[in-house]
Amino acid sequence: MAEAFAKRLGLDASSAGTLPAQAVNPLVVQVMQERGIDISKSAPKLLTPEMIDQADLVITMGCSVEEVCPRPIVMQMRKKLIDWKLQDPKQKPIEEVRRIRNEIERRVSELARAPRSSEMDFED
């Protein structure tokens, strides 16, 4: 969701996970379509050291990257890490997925207005 909102605002962004799912959550696809964004052809990606290195910011959604990432990757991220502490929409009712979507949209919009470089990674 964050990547899609960022791209809509003209930012260079990518989304990846430390333990990516096999497919995008169908409810996430549905609630993004409600905002006029089609992510149905998106595929979850693994977060790589190269992605972190190229990003100006690495934004986590609330997971503990320390538990799943090798120590050098965690140390590399610390310089540019922001944790939004959001719930995973997995197995949530659609109303909760919408609430999470709205919060991600709000935060991405705030980032777009902030004086920063335009490249970021979202770790989900």
PDB file of N, CA and C in Angstrom:
ATOM      1  N   MET A   1       0.821  -1.184   0.000  1.00  0.00           N
ATOM      2  CA  MET A   1       0.000   0.000   0.000  1.00  0.00           C
ATOM      3  C   MET A   1       0.870   1.254   0.000  1.00  0.00           C
ATOM      4  N   ALA A   2       1.894   1.245   0.839  1.00  0.00           N
ATOM      5  CA  ALA A   2       2.749   2.429   0.940  1.00  0.00           C
ATOM      6  C   ALA A   2       3.442   2.723  -0.387  1.00  0.00           C
ATOM      7  N   GLU A   3       3.955   1.696  -1.028  1.00  0.00           N
ATOM      8  CA  GLU A   3       4.616   1.894  -2.317  1.00  0.00           C
ATOM      9  C   GLU A   3       3.651   2.493  -3.334  1.00  0.00           C
ATOM     10  N   ALA A   4       2.447   1.977  -3.387  1.00  0.00           N
ATOM     11  CA  ALA A   4       1.464   2.462  -4.362  1.00  0.00           C
ATOM     12  C   ALA A   4       1.099   3.918  -4.098  1.00  0.00           C
ATOM     13  N   PHE A   5       0.875   4.273  -2.841  1.00  0.00           N
ATOM     14  CA  PHE A   5       0.558   5.666  -2.527  1.00  0.00           C
ATOM     15  C   PHE A   5       1.746   6.579  -2.835  1.00  0.00           C
ATOM     16  N   ALA A   6       2.949   6.128  -2.511  1.00  0.00           N
ATOM     17  CA  ALA A   6       4.143   6.935  -2.778  1.00  0.00           C
ATOM     18  C   ALA A   6       4.311   7.179  -4.270  1.00  0.00           C
ATOM     19  N   LYS A   7       4.147   6.141  -5.058  1.00  0.00           N
ATOM     20  CA  LYS A   7       4.291   6.289  -6.510  1.00  0.00           C
ATOM     21  C   LYS A   7       3.223   7.211  -7.080  1.00  0.00           C
ATOM     22  N   ARG A   8       2.033   7.130  -6.538  1.00  0.00           N
ATOM     23  CA  ARG A   8       0.963   8.023  -6.993  1.00  0.00           C
ATOM     24  C   ARG A   8       1.342   9.490  -6.752  1.00  0.00           C
ATOM     25  N   LEU A   9       2.116   9.728  -5.704  1.00  0.00           N
ATOM     26  CA  LEU A   9       2.548  11.084  -5.364  1.00  0.00           C
ATOM     27  C   LEU A   9       3.858  11.465  -6.044  1.00  0.00           C
ATOM     28  N   GLY A  10       4.350  10.593  -6.919  1.00  0.00           N
ATOM     29  CA  GLY A  10       5.553  10.899  -7.680  1.00  0.00           C
ATOM     30  C   GLY A  10       6.858  10.559  -6.986  1.00  0.00           C
ATOM     31  N   LEU A  11       6.787   9.789  -5.920  1.00  0.00           N
ATOM     32  CA  LEU A  11       7.996   9.379  -5.206  1.00  0.00           C
ATOM     33  C   LEU A  11       8.546   8.081  -5.790  1.00  0.00           C
ATOM     34  N   ASP A  12       9.840   7.895  -5.668  1.00  0.00           N
ATOM     35  CA  ASP A  12      10.488   6.653  -6.068  1.00  0.00           C
ATOM     36  C   ASP A  12      10.487   5.748  -4.844  1.00  0.00           C
ATOM     37  N   ALA A  13       9.667   4.719  -4.857  1.00  0.00           N
ATOM     38  CA  ALA A  13       9.508   3.865  -3.682  1.00  0.00           C
ATOM     39  C   ALA A  13       9.374   2.412  -4.097  1.00  0.00           C
ATOM     40  N   SER A  14       9.782   1.539  -3.197  1.00  0.00           N
ATOM     41  CA  SER A  14       9.569   0.118  -3.411  1.00  0.00           C
ATOM     42  C   SER A  14       9.207  -0.515  -2.081  1.00  0.00           C
ATOM     43  N   SER A  15       8.458  -1.583  -2.158  1.00  0.00           N
ATOM     44  CA  SER A  15       8.014  -2.295  -0.981  1.00  0.00           C
ATOM     45  C   SER A  15       8.609  -3.696  -1.009  1.00  0.00           C
ATOM     46  N   ALA A  16       9.075  -4.133   0.138  1.00  0.00           N
ATOM     47  CA  ALA A  16       9.640  -5.473   0.245  1.00  0.00           C
ATOM     48  C   ALA A  16       9.502  -5.926   1.687  1.00  0.00           C
ATOM     49  N   GLY A  17       9.657  -7.194   1.893  1.00  0.00           N
ATOM     50  CA  GLY A  17       9.523  -7.728   3.236  1.00  0.00           C
ATOM     51  C   GLY A  17      10.668  -8.636   3.615  1.00  0.00           C
ATOM     52  N   THR A  18      10.830  -8.804   4.906  1.00  0.00           N
ATOM     53  CA  THR A  18      11.848  -9.716   5.408  1.00  0.00           C
ATOM     54  C   THR A  18      11.386 -11.158   5.277  1.00  0.00           C
ATOM     55  N   LEU A  19      10.081 -11.352   5.316  1.00  0.00           N
ATOM     56  CA  LEU A  19       9.459 -12.661   5.087  1.00  0.00           C
ATOM     57  C   LEU A  19       8.245 -12.427   4.193  1.00  0.00           C
ATOM     58  N   PRO A  20       8.467 -12.144   2.903  1.00  0.00           N
ATOM     59  CA  PRO A  20       7.338 -11.773   2.037  1.00  0.00           C
ATOM     60  C   PRO A  20       6.348 -12.918   1.836  1.00  0.00           C
ATOM     61  N   ALA A  21       5.093 -12.520   1.712  1.00  0.00           N
ATOM     62  CA  ALA A  21       4.022 -13.488   1.437  1.00  0.00           C
ATOM     63  C   ALA A  21       4.164 -14.012   0.010  1.00  0.00           C
ATOM     64  N   GLN A  22       3.422 -15.033  -0.301  1.00  0.00           N
ATOM     65  CA  GLN A  22       3.426 -15.592  -1.653  1.00  0.00           C
ATOM     66  C   GLN A  22       2.679 -14.688  -2.640  1.00  0.00           C
ATOM     67  N   ALA A  23       1.663 -13.980  -2.136  1.00  0.00           N
ATOM     68  CA  ALA A  23       0.842 -13.114  -2.993  1.00  0.00           C
ATOM     69  C   ALA A  23       0.345 -11.936  -2.175  1.00  0.00           C
ATOM     70  N   VAL A  24      -0.074 -10.893  -2.870  1.00  0.00           N
ATOM     71  CA  VAL A  24      -0.640  -9.732  -2.202  1.00  0.00           C
ATOM     72  C   VAL A  24      -1.995 -10.115  -1.619  1.00  0.00           C
ATOM     73  N   ASN A  25      -2.249  -9.674  -0.406  1.00  0.00           N
ATOM     74  CA  ASN A  25      -3.505  -9.937   0.290  1.00  0.00           C
ATOM     75  C   ASN A  25      -4.680  -9.431  -0.554  1.00  0.00           C
ATOM     76  N   PRO A  26      -5.642 -10.309  -0.886  1.00  0.00           N
ATOM     77  CA  PRO A  26      -6.781  -9.901  -1.715  1.00  0.00           C
ATOM     78  C   PRO A  26      -7.585  -8.739  -1.127  1.00  0.00           C
ATOM     79  N   LEU A  27      -7.703  -8.662   0.198  1.00  0.00           N
ATOM     80  CA  LEU A  27      -8.417  -7.536   0.801  1.00  0.00           C
ATOM     81  C   LEU A  27      -7.648  -6.232   0.611  1.00  0.00           C
ATOM     82  N   VAL A  28      -6.326  -6.300   0.631  1.00  0.00           N
ATOM     83  CA  VAL A  28      -5.514  -5.112   0.377  1.00  0.00           C
ATOM     84  C   VAL A  28      -5.724  -4.660  -1.066  1.00  0.00           C
ATOM     85  N   VAL A  29      -5.748  -5.612  -1.989  1.00  0.00           N
ATOM     86  CA  VAL A  29      -6.020  -5.275  -3.393  1.00  0.00           C
ATOM     87  C   VAL A  29      -7.373  -4.570  -3.489  1.00  0.00           C
ATOM     88  N   GLN A  30      -8.377  -5.104  -2.814  1.00  0.00           N
ATOM     89  CA  GLN A  30      -9.730  -4.546  -2.857  1.00  0.00           C
ATOM     90  C   GLN A  30      -9.773  -3.126  -2.292  1.00  0.00           C
ATOM     91  N   VAL A  31      -9.172  -2.905  -1.119  1.00  0.00           N
ATOM     92  CA  VAL A  31      -9.268  -1.568  -0.518  1.00  0.00           C
ATOM     93  C   VAL A  31      -8.430  -0.544  -1.282  1.00  0.00           C
ATOM     94  N   MET A  32      -7.388  -0.990  -1.949  1.00  0.00           N
ATOM     95  CA  MET A  32      -6.619  -0.062  -2.785  1.00  0.00           C
ATOM     96  C   MET A  32      -7.406   0.294  -4.046  1.00  0.00           C
ATOM     97  N   GLN A  33      -8.163  -0.646  -4.581  1.00  0.00           N
ATOM     98  CA  GLN A  33      -9.019  -0.353  -5.734  1.00  0.00           C
ATOM     99  C   GLN A  33     -10.054   0.702  -5.365  1.00  0.00           C
ATOM    100  N   GLU A  34     -10.485   0.709  -4.110  1.00  0.00           N
ATOM    101  CA  GLU A  34     -11.409   1.739  -3.644  1.00  0.00           C
ATOM    102  C   GLU A  34     -10.790   3.134  -3.742  1.00  0.00           C
ATOM    103  N   ARG A  35      -9.481   3.218  -3.736  1.00  0.00           N
ATOM    104  CA  ARG A  35      -8.756   4.489  -3.874  1.00  0.00           C
ATOM    105  C   ARG A  35      -8.305   4.721  -5.323  1.00  0.00           C
ATOM    106  N   GLY A  36      -8.740   3.825  -6.218  1.00  0.00           N
ATOM    107  CA  GLY A  36      -8.385   3.978  -7.629  1.00  0.00           C
ATOM    108  C   GLY A  36      -6.988   3.503  -7.973  1.00  0.00           C
ATOM    109  N   ILE A  37      -6.432   2.639  -7.138  1.00  0.00           N
ATOM    110  CA  ILE A  37      -5.082   2.112  -7.362  1.00  0.00           C
ATOM    111  C   ILE A  37      -5.164   0.599  -7.538  1.00  0.00           C
ATOM    112  N   ASP A  38      -4.664   0.108  -8.658  1.00  0.00           N
ATOM    113  CA  ASP A  38      -4.681  -1.326  -8.946  1.00  0.00           C
ATOM    114  C   ASP A  38      -3.324  -1.936  -8.601  1.00  0.00           C
ATOM    115  N   ILE A  39      -3.300  -2.740  -7.559  1.00  0.00           N
ATOM    116  CA  ILE A  39      -2.059  -3.446  -7.189  1.00  0.00           C
ATOM    117  C   ILE A  39      -2.210  -4.949  -7.405  1.00  0.00           C
ATOM    118  N   SER A  40      -3.211  -5.344  -8.174  1.00  0.00           N
ATOM    119  CA  SER A  40      -3.513  -6.762  -8.363  1.00  0.00           C
ATOM    120  C   SER A  40      -2.380  -7.533  -9.043  1.00  0.00           C
ATOM    121  N   LYS A  41      -1.554  -6.848  -9.803  1.00  0.00           N
ATOM    122  CA  LYS A  41      -0.456  -7.528 -10.491  1.00  0.00           C
ATOM    123  C   LYS A  41       0.869  -7.408  -9.727  1.00  0.00           C
ATOM    124  N   SER A  42       0.830  -6.778  -8.571  1.00  0.00           N
ATOM    125  CA  SER A  42       2.033  -6.658  -7.741  1.00  0.00           C
ATOM    126  C   SER A  42       2.380  -7.997  -7.123  1.00  0.00           C
ATOM    127  N   ALA A  43       3.648  -8.176  -6.841  1.00  0.00           N
ATOM    128  CA  ALA A  43       4.096  -9.406  -6.191  1.00  0.00           C
ATOM    129  C   ALA A  43       4.998  -9.038  -5.016  1.00  0.00           C
ATOM    130  N   PRO A  44       4.815  -9.689  -3.872  1.00  0.00           N
ATOM    131  CA  PRO A  44       5.685  -9.426  -2.734  1.00  0.00           C
ATOM    132  C   PRO A  44       7.142  -9.723  -3.087  1.00  0.00           C
ATOM    133  N   LYS A  45       8.043  -8.894  -2.562  1.00  0.00           N
ATOM    134  CA  LYS A  45       9.478  -9.041  -2.831  1.00  0.00           C
ATOM    135  C   LYS A  45      10.243  -9.157  -1.517  1.00  0.00           C
ATOM    136  N   LEU A  46      11.401  -9.781  -1.602  1.00  0.00           N
ATOM    137  CA  LEU A  46      12.294  -9.899  -0.459  1.00  0.00           C
ATOM    138  C   LEU A  46      13.128  -8.636  -0.334  1.00  0.00           C
ATOM    139  N   LEU A  47      13.235  -8.098   0.868  1.00  0.00           N
ATOM    140  CA  LEU A  47      14.076  -6.939   1.131  1.00  0.00           C
ATOM    141  C   LEU A  47      15.541  -7.342   0.972  1.00  0.00           C
ATOM    142  N   THR A  48      16.293  -6.569   0.188  1.00  0.00           N
ATOM    143  CA  THR A  48      17.698  -6.896  -0.055  1.00  0.00           C
ATOM    144  C   THR A  48      18.610  -5.797   0.484  1.00  0.00           C
ATOM    145  N   PRO A  49      19.858  -6.136   0.763  1.00  0.00           N
ATOM    146  CA  PRO A  49      20.813  -5.103   1.194  1.00  0.00           C
ATOM    147  C   PRO A  49      20.954  -3.983   0.160  1.00  0.00           C
ATOM    148  N   GLU A  50      20.852  -4.319  -1.122  1.00  0.00           N
ATOM    149  CA  GLU A  50      20.965  -3.308  -2.174  1.00  0.00           C
ATOM    150  C   GLU A  50      19.811  -2.304  -2.096  1.00  0.00           C
ATOM    151  N   MET A  51      18.615  -2.789  -1.809  1.00  0.00           N
ATOM    152  CA  MET A  51      17.470  -1.886  -1.664  1.00  0.00           C
ATOM    153  C   MET A  51      17.697  -0.914  -0.508  1.00  0.00           C
ATOM    154  N   ILE A  52      18.193  -1.441   0.595  1.00  0.00           N
ATOM    155  CA  ILE A  52      18.455  -0.603   1.765  1.00  0.00           C
ATOM    156  C   ILE A  52      19.529   0.425   1.443  1.00  0.00           C
ATOM    157  N   ASP A  53      20.575  -0.021   0.776  1.00  0.00           N
ATOM    158  CA  ASP A  53      21.684   0.865   0.436  1.00  0.00           C
ATOM    159  C   ASP A  53      21.232   2.021  -0.454  1.00  0.00           C
ATOM    160  N   GLN A  54      20.342   1.760  -1.381  1.00  0.00           N
ATOM    161  CA  GLN A  54      19.880   2.776  -2.328  1.00  0.00           C
ATOM    162  C   GLN A  54      18.826   3.703  -1.744  1.00  0.00           C
ATOM    163  N   ALA A  55      18.171   3.302  -0.667  1.00  0.00           N
ATOM    164  CA  ALA A  55      17.064   4.081  -0.110  1.00  0.00           C
ATOM    165  C   ALA A  55      17.571   5.217   0.780  1.00  0.00           C
ATOM    166  N   ASP A  56      16.848   6.317   0.726  1.00  0.00           N
ATOM    167  CA  ASP A  56      17.098   7.416   1.654  1.00  0.00           C
ATOM    168  C   ASP A  56      16.432   7.135   2.991  1.00  0.00           C
ATOM    169  N   LEU A  57      15.313   6.439   2.953  1.00  0.00           N
ATOM    170  CA  LEU A  57      14.573   6.043   4.146  1.00  0.00           C
ATOM    171  C   LEU A  57      14.169   4.588   4.013  1.00  0.00           C
ATOM    172  N   VAL A  58      14.148   3.883   5.144  1.00  0.00           N
ATOM    173  CA  VAL A  58      13.587   2.534   5.199  1.00  0.00           C
ATOM    174  C   VAL A  58      12.491   2.608   6.252  1.00  0.00           C
ATOM    175  N   ILE A  59      11.279   2.335   5.827  1.00  0.00           N
ATOM    176  CA  ILE A  59      10.137   2.458   6.721  1.00  0.00           C
ATOM    177  C   ILE A  59       9.584   1.071   6.987  1.00  0.00           C
ATOM    178  N   THR A  60       9.570   0.702   8.252  1.00  0.00           N
ATOM    179  CA  THR A  60       8.982  -0.581   8.623  1.00  0.00           C
ATOM    180  C   THR A  60       7.559  -0.321   9.096  1.00  0.00           C
ATOM    181  N   MET A  61       6.744  -1.322   8.974  1.00  0.00           N
ATOM    182  CA  MET A  61       5.342  -1.177   9.321  1.00  0.00           C
ATOM    183  C   MET A  61       5.039  -1.663  10.736  1.00  0.00           C
ATOM    184  N   GLY A  62       6.053  -2.126  11.432  1.00  0.00           N
ATOM    185  CA  GLY A  62       5.816  -2.528  12.807  1.00  0.00           C
ATOM    186  C   GLY A  62       6.404  -3.867  13.176  1.00  0.00           C
ATOM    187  N   CYS A  63       7.044  -4.527  12.231  1.00  0.00           N
ATOM    188  CA  CYS A  63       7.635  -5.824  12.549  1.00  0.00           C
ATOM    189  C   CYS A  63       8.999  -5.619  13.200  1.00  0.00           C
ATOM    190  N   SER A  64       9.492  -6.654  13.797  1.00  0.00           N
ATOM    191  CA  SER A  64      10.806  -6.594  14.422  1.00  0.00           C
ATOM    192  C   SER A  64      11.847  -7.086  13.433  1.00  0.00           C
ATOM    193  N   VAL A  65      12.446  -6.164  12.703  1.00  0.00           N
ATOM    194  CA  VAL A  65      13.425  -6.552  11.697  1.00  0.00           C
ATOM    195  C   VAL A  65      14.646  -7.209  12.325  1.00  0.00           C
ATOM    196  N   GLU A  66      14.913  -6.885  13.584  1.00  0.00           N
ATOM    197  CA  GLU A  66      16.073  -7.476  14.256  1.00  0.00           C
ATOM    198  C   GLU A  66      15.960  -8.995  14.363  1.00  0.00           C
ATOM    199  N   GLU A  67      14.728  -9.501  14.420  1.00  0.00           N
ATOM    200  CA  GLU A  67      14.517 -10.937  14.570  1.00  0.00           C
ATOM    201  C   GLU A  67      14.746 -11.715  13.282  1.00  0.00           C
ATOM    202  N   VAL A  68      14.591 -11.072  12.130  1.00  0.00           N
ATOM    203  CA  VAL A  68      14.660 -11.803  10.869  1.00  0.00           C
ATOM    204  C   VAL A  68      15.775 -11.358   9.941  1.00  0.00           C
ATOM    205  N   CYS A  69      16.350 -10.194  10.176  1.00  0.00           N
ATOM    206  CA  CYS A  69      17.408  -9.694   9.295  1.00  0.00           C
ATOM    207  C   CYS A  69      18.785  -9.979   9.885  1.00  0.00           C
ATOM    208  N   PRO A  70      19.747 -10.313   9.041  1.00  0.00           N
ATOM    209  CA  PRO A  70      21.120 -10.445   9.520  1.00  0.00           C
ATOM    210  C   PRO A  70      21.606  -9.119  10.120  1.00  0.00           C
ATOM    211  N   ARG A  71      22.439  -9.206  11.122  1.00  0.00           N
ATOM    212  CA  ARG A  71      22.916  -8.027  11.852  1.00  0.00           C
ATOM    213  C   ARG A  71      23.485  -6.930  10.939  1.00  0.00           C
ATOM    214  N   PRO A  72      24.309  -7.251   9.933  1.00  0.00           N
ATOM    215  CA  PRO A  72      24.825  -6.170   9.071  1.00  0.00           C
ATOM    216  C   PRO A  72      23.724  -5.396   8.348  1.00  0.00           C
ATOM    217  N   ILE A  73      22.648  -6.075   7.970  1.00  0.00           N
ATOM    218  CA  ILE A  73      21.537  -5.396   7.302  1.00  0.00           C
ATOM    219  C   ILE A  73      20.830  -4.477   8.291  1.00  0.00           C
ATOM    220  N   VAL A  74      20.613  -4.951   9.509  1.00  0.00           N
ATOM    221  CA  VAL A  74      19.974  -4.119  10.533  1.00  0.00           C
ATOM    222  C   VAL A  74      20.816  -2.884  10.799  1.00  0.00           C
ATOM    223  N   MET A  75      22.121  -3.047  10.918  1.00  0.00           N
ATOM    224  CA  MET A  75      22.997  -1.901  11.172  1.00  0.00           C
ATOM    225  C   MET A  75      22.951  -0.915  10.006  1.00  0.00           C
ATOM    226  N   GLN A  76      22.864  -1.416   8.800  1.00  0.00           N
ATOM    227  CA  GLN A  76      22.787  -0.576   7.613  1.00  0.00           C
ATOM    228  C   GLN A  76      21.484   0.236   7.610  1.00  0.00           C
ATOM    229  N   MET A  77      20.396  -0.369   8.078  1.00  0.00           N
ATOM    230  CA  MET A  77      19.099   0.299   8.081  1.00  0.00           C
ATOM    231  C   MET A  77      18.990   1.359   9.167  1.00  0.00           C
ATOM    232  N   ARG A  78      19.634   1.178  10.287  1.00  0.00           N
ATOM    233  CA  ARG A  78      19.459   2.055  11.446  1.00  0.00           C
ATOM    234  C   ARG A  78      19.627   3.529  11.110  1.00  0.00           C
ATOM    235  N   LYS A  79      20.518   3.844  10.178  1.00  0.00           N
ATOM    236  CA  LYS A  79      20.776   5.242   9.827  1.00  0.00           C
ATOM    237  C   LYS A  79      19.565   5.911   9.212  1.00  0.00           C
ATOM    238  N   LYS A  80      18.684   5.139   8.631  1.00  0.00           N
ATOM    239  CA  LYS A  80      17.562   5.716   7.900  1.00  0.00           C
ATOM    240  C   LYS A  80      16.242   4.999   8.174  1.00  0.00           C
ATOM    241  N   LEU A  81      16.103   4.446   9.359  1.00  0.00           N
ATOM    242  CA  LEU A  81      14.952   3.618   9.704  1.00  0.00           C
ATOM    243  C   LEU A  81      13.877   4.418  10.432  1.00  0.00           C
ATOM    244  N   ILE A  82      12.643   4.263   9.972  1.00  0.00           N
ATOM    245  CA  ILE A  82      11.465   4.804  10.642  1.00  0.00           C
ATOM    246  C   ILE A  82      10.500   3.638  10.807  1.00  0.00           C
ATOM    247  N   ASP A  83      10.016   3.411  12.021  1.00  0.00           N
ATOM    248  CA  ASP A  83       9.048   2.339  12.250  1.00  0.00           C
ATOM    249  C   ASP A  83       7.678   2.963  12.498  1.00  0.00           C
ATOM    250  N   TRP A  84       6.727   2.643  11.632  1.00  0.00           N
ATOM    251  CA  TRP A  84       5.386   3.196  11.756  1.00  0.00           C
ATOM    252  C   TRP A  84       4.520   2.423  12.740  1.00  0.00           C
ATOM    253  N   LYS A  85       4.965   1.274  13.198  1.00  0.00           N
ATOM    254  CA  LYS A  85       4.237   0.478  14.195  1.00  0.00           C
ATOM    255  C   LYS A  85       2.759   0.270  13.820  1.00  0.00           C
ATOM    256  N   LEU A  86       2.545  -0.181  12.592  1.00  0.00           N
ATOM    257  CA  LEU A  86       1.198  -0.465  12.113  1.00  0.00           C
ATOM    258  C   LEU A  86       0.919  -1.961  12.150  1.00  0.00           C
ATOM    259  N   GLN A  87      -0.345  -2.302  12.274  1.00  0.00           N
ATOM    260  CA  GLN A  87      -0.727  -3.708  12.259  1.00  0.00           C
ATOM    261  C   GLN A  87      -0.638  -4.274  10.857  1.00  0.00           C
ATOM    262  N   ASP A  88      -0.355  -5.560  10.784  1.00  0.00           N
ATOM    263  CA  ASP A  88      -0.379  -6.285   9.519  1.00  0.00           C
ATOM    264  C   ASP A  88      -1.842  -6.512   9.146  1.00  0.00           C
ATOM    265  N   PRO A  89      -2.240  -6.188   7.913  1.00  0.00           N
ATOM    266  CA  PRO A  89      -3.640  -6.403   7.535  1.00  0.00           C
ATOM    267  C   PRO A  89      -4.034  -7.870   7.365  1.00  0.00           C
ATOM    268  N   LYS A  90      -3.066  -8.756   7.426  1.00  0.00           N
ATOM    269  CA  LYS A  90      -3.336 -10.188   7.253  1.00  0.00           C
ATOM    270  C   LYS A  90      -4.376 -10.659   8.262  1.00  0.00           C
ATOM    271  N   GLN A  91      -5.395 -11.338   7.759  1.00  0.00           N
ATOM    272  CA  GLN A  91      -6.468 -11.938   8.550  1.00  0.00           C
ATOM    273  C   GLN A  91      -7.280 -10.918   9.350  1.00  0.00           C
ATOM    274  N   LYS A  92      -7.282  -9.672   8.899  1.00  0.00           N
ATOM    275  CA  LYS A  92      -8.088  -8.636   9.543  1.00  0.00           C
ATOM    276  C   LYS A  92      -9.376  -8.452   8.731  1.00  0.00           C
ATOM    277  N   PRO A  93     -10.450  -8.018   9.392  1.00  0.00           N
ATOM    278  CA  PRO A  93     -11.678  -7.714   8.643  1.00  0.00           C
ATOM    279  C   PRO A  93     -11.456  -6.492   7.746  1.00  0.00           C
ATOM    280  N   ILE A  94     -12.278  -6.365   6.729  1.00  0.00           N
ATOM    281  CA  ILE A  94     -12.079  -5.315   5.739  1.00  0.00           C
ATOM    282  C   ILE A  94     -12.101  -3.914   6.359  1.00  0.00           C
ATOM    283  N   GLU A  95     -12.907  -3.701   7.396  1.00  0.00           N
ATOM    284  CA  GLU A  95     -12.946  -2.385   8.037  1.00  0.00           C
ATOM    285  C   GLU A  95     -11.581  -2.030   8.636  1.00  0.00           C
ATOM    286  N   GLU A  96     -10.919  -3.017   9.215  1.00  0.00           N
ATOM    287  CA  GLU A  96      -9.594  -2.794   9.798  1.00  0.00           C
ATOM    288  C   GLU A  96      -8.554  -2.586   8.700  1.00  0.00           C
ATOM    289  N   VAL A  97      -8.666  -3.317   7.603  1.00  0.00           N
ATOM    290  CA  VAL A  97      -7.741  -3.142   6.472  1.00  0.00           C
ATOM    291  C   VAL A  97      -7.905  -1.733   5.903  1.00  0.00           C
ATOM    292  N   ARG A  98      -9.117  -1.241   5.851  1.00  0.00           N
ATOM    293  CA  ARG A  98      -9.346   0.140   5.387  1.00  0.00           C
ATOM    294  C   ARG A  98      -8.709   1.153   6.335  1.00  0.00           C
ATOM    295  N   ARG A  99      -8.827   0.915   7.630  1.00  0.00           N
ATOM    296  CA  ARG A  99      -8.230   1.818   8.614  1.00  0.00           C
ATOM    297  C   ARG A  99      -6.712   1.844   8.455  1.00  0.00           C
ATOM    298  N   ILE A 100      -6.114   0.678   8.273  1.00  0.00           N
ATOM    299  CA  ILE A 100      -4.665   0.584   8.058  1.00  0.00           C
ATOM    300  C   ILE A 100      -4.292   1.302   6.767  1.00  0.00           C
ATOM    301  N   ARG A 101      -5.060   1.086   5.702  1.00  0.00           N
ATOM    302  CA  ARG A 101      -4.822   1.765   4.427  1.00  0.00           C
ATOM    303  C   ARG A 101      -4.858   3.277   4.599  1.00  0.00           C
ATOM    304  N   ASN A 102      -5.865   3.770   5.295  1.00  0.00           N
ATOM    305  CA  ASN A 102      -6.007   5.213   5.486  1.00  0.00           C
ATOM    306  C   ASN A 102      -4.826   5.796   6.254  1.00  0.00           C
ATOM    307  N   GLU A 103      -4.361   5.064   7.243  1.00  0.00           N
ATOM    308  CA  GLU A 103      -3.211   5.544   8.024  1.00  0.00           C
ATOM    309  C   GLU A 103      -1.946   5.539   7.173  1.00  0.00           C
ATOM    310  N   ILE A 104      -1.751   4.517   6.377  1.00  0.00           N
ATOM    311  CA  ILE A 104      -0.584   4.470   5.485  1.00  0.00           C
ATOM    312  C   ILE A 104      -0.660   5.623   4.481  1.00  0.00           C
ATOM    313  N   GLU A 105      -1.824   5.852   3.921  1.00  0.00           N
ATOM    314  CA  GLU A 105      -1.992   6.958   2.960  1.00  0.00           C
ATOM    315  C   GLU A 105      -1.648   8.299   3.617  1.00  0.00           C
ATOM    316  N   ARG A 106      -2.119   8.504   4.831  1.00  0.00           N
ATOM    317  CA  ARG A 106      -1.843   9.754   5.554  1.00  0.00           C
ATOM    318  C   ARG A 106      -0.343   9.931   5.786  1.00  0.00           C
ATOM    319  N   ARG A 107       0.308   8.869   6.225  1.00  0.00           N
ATOM    320  CA  ARG A 107       1.737   8.968   6.534  1.00  0.00           C
ATOM    321  C   ARG A 107       2.591   9.158   5.275  1.00  0.00           C
ATOM    322  N   VAL A 108       2.224   8.474   4.202  1.00  0.00           N
ATOM    323  CA  VAL A 108       2.954   8.658   2.940  1.00  0.00           C
ATOM    324  C   VAL A 108       2.778  10.092   2.448  1.00  0.00           C
ATOM    325  N   SER A 109       1.576  10.629   2.577  1.00  0.00           N
ATOM    326  CA  SER A 109       1.339  12.018   2.172  1.00  0.00           C
ATOM    327  C   SER A 109       2.190  12.980   2.988  1.00  0.00           C
ATOM    328  N   GLU A 110       2.325  12.720   4.282  1.00  0.00           N
ATOM    329  CA  GLU A 110       3.192  13.551   5.128  1.00  0.00           C
ATOM    330  C   GLU A 110       4.640  13.471   4.659  1.00  0.00           C
ATOM    331  N   LEU A 111       5.100  12.268   4.336  1.00  0.00           N
ATOM    332  CA  LEU A 111       6.473  12.111   3.838  1.00  0.00           C
ATOM    333  C   LEU A 111       6.681  12.857   2.526  1.00  0.00           C
ATOM    334  N   ALA A 112       5.676  12.827   1.678  1.00  0.00           N
ATOM    335  CA  ALA A 112       5.791  13.497   0.379  1.00  0.00           C
ATOM    336  C   ALA A 112       5.944  15.005   0.546  1.00  0.00           C
ATOM    337  N   ARG A 113       5.374  15.548   1.607  1.00  0.00           N
ATOM    338  CA  ARG A 113       5.475  16.984   1.863  1.00  0.00           C
ATOM    339  C   ARG A 113       6.751  17.356   2.599  1.00  0.00           C
ATOM    340  N   ALA A 114       7.420  16.371   3.204  1.00  0.00           N
ATOM    341  CA  ALA A 114       8.639  16.640   3.984  1.00  0.00           C
ATOM    342  C   ALA A 114       9.813  16.920   3.052  1.00  0.00           C
ATOM    343  N   PRO A 115      10.734  17.776   3.474  1.00  0.00           N
ATOM    344  CA  PRO A 115      11.917  18.072   2.646  1.00  0.00           C
ATOM    345  C   PRO A 115      12.938  16.949   2.720  1.00  0.00           C
ATOM    346  N   ARG A 116      12.786  15.958   1.840  1.00  0.00           N
ATOM    347  CA  ARG A 116      13.677  14.804   1.793  1.00  0.00           C
ATOM    348  C   ARG A 116      13.901  14.426   0.349  1.00  0.00           C
ATOM    349  N   SER A 117      14.814  13.494   0.164  1.00  0.00           N
ATOM    350  CA  SER A 117      14.995  12.910  -1.162  1.00  0.00           C
ATOM    351  C   SER A 117      13.781  12.056  -1.484  1.00  0.00           C
ATOM    352  N   SER A 118      13.627  11.700  -2.739  1.00  0.00           N
ATOM    353  CA  SER A 118      12.393  11.032  -3.160  1.00  0.00           C
ATOM    354  C   SER A 118      12.491   9.520  -3.229  1.00  0.00           C
ATOM    355  N   GLU A 119      13.564   8.888  -2.782  1.00  0.00           N
ATOM    356  CA  GLU A 119      13.658   7.433  -2.876  1.00  0.00           C
ATOM    357  C   GLU A 119      13.554   6.817  -1.498  1.00  0.00           C
ATOM    358  N   MET A 120      12.675   5.838  -1.345  1.00  0.00           N
ATOM    359  CA  MET A 120      12.500   5.185  -0.059  1.00  0.00           C
ATOM    360  C   MET A 120      12.071   3.743  -0.268  1.00  0.00           C
ATOM    361  N   ASP A 121      12.305   2.931   0.754  1.00  0.00           N
ATOM    362  CA  ASP A 121      11.867   1.544   0.757  1.00  0.00           C
ATOM    363  C   ASP A 121      10.879   1.372   1.894  1.00  0.00           C
ATOM    364  N   PHE A 122       9.835   0.613   1.652  1.00  0.00           N
ATOM    365  CA  PHE A 122       8.866   0.257   2.674  1.00  0.00           C
ATOM    366  C   PHE A 122       9.032  -1.216   2.946  1.00  0.00           C
ATOM    367  N   GLU A 123       9.304  -1.563   4.174  1.00  0.00           N
ATOM    368  CA  GLU A 123       9.486  -2.957   4.548  1.00  0.00           C
ATOM    369  C   GLU A 123       8.187  -3.406   5.197  1.00  0.00           C
ATOM    370  N   ASP A 124       7.587  -4.438   4.648  1.00  0.00           N
ATOM    371  CA  ASP A 124       6.330  -4.904   5.220  1.00  0.00           C
ATOM    372  C   ASP A 124       6.425  -6.328   5.688  1.00  0.00           C
TER     373      ASP A 124
END
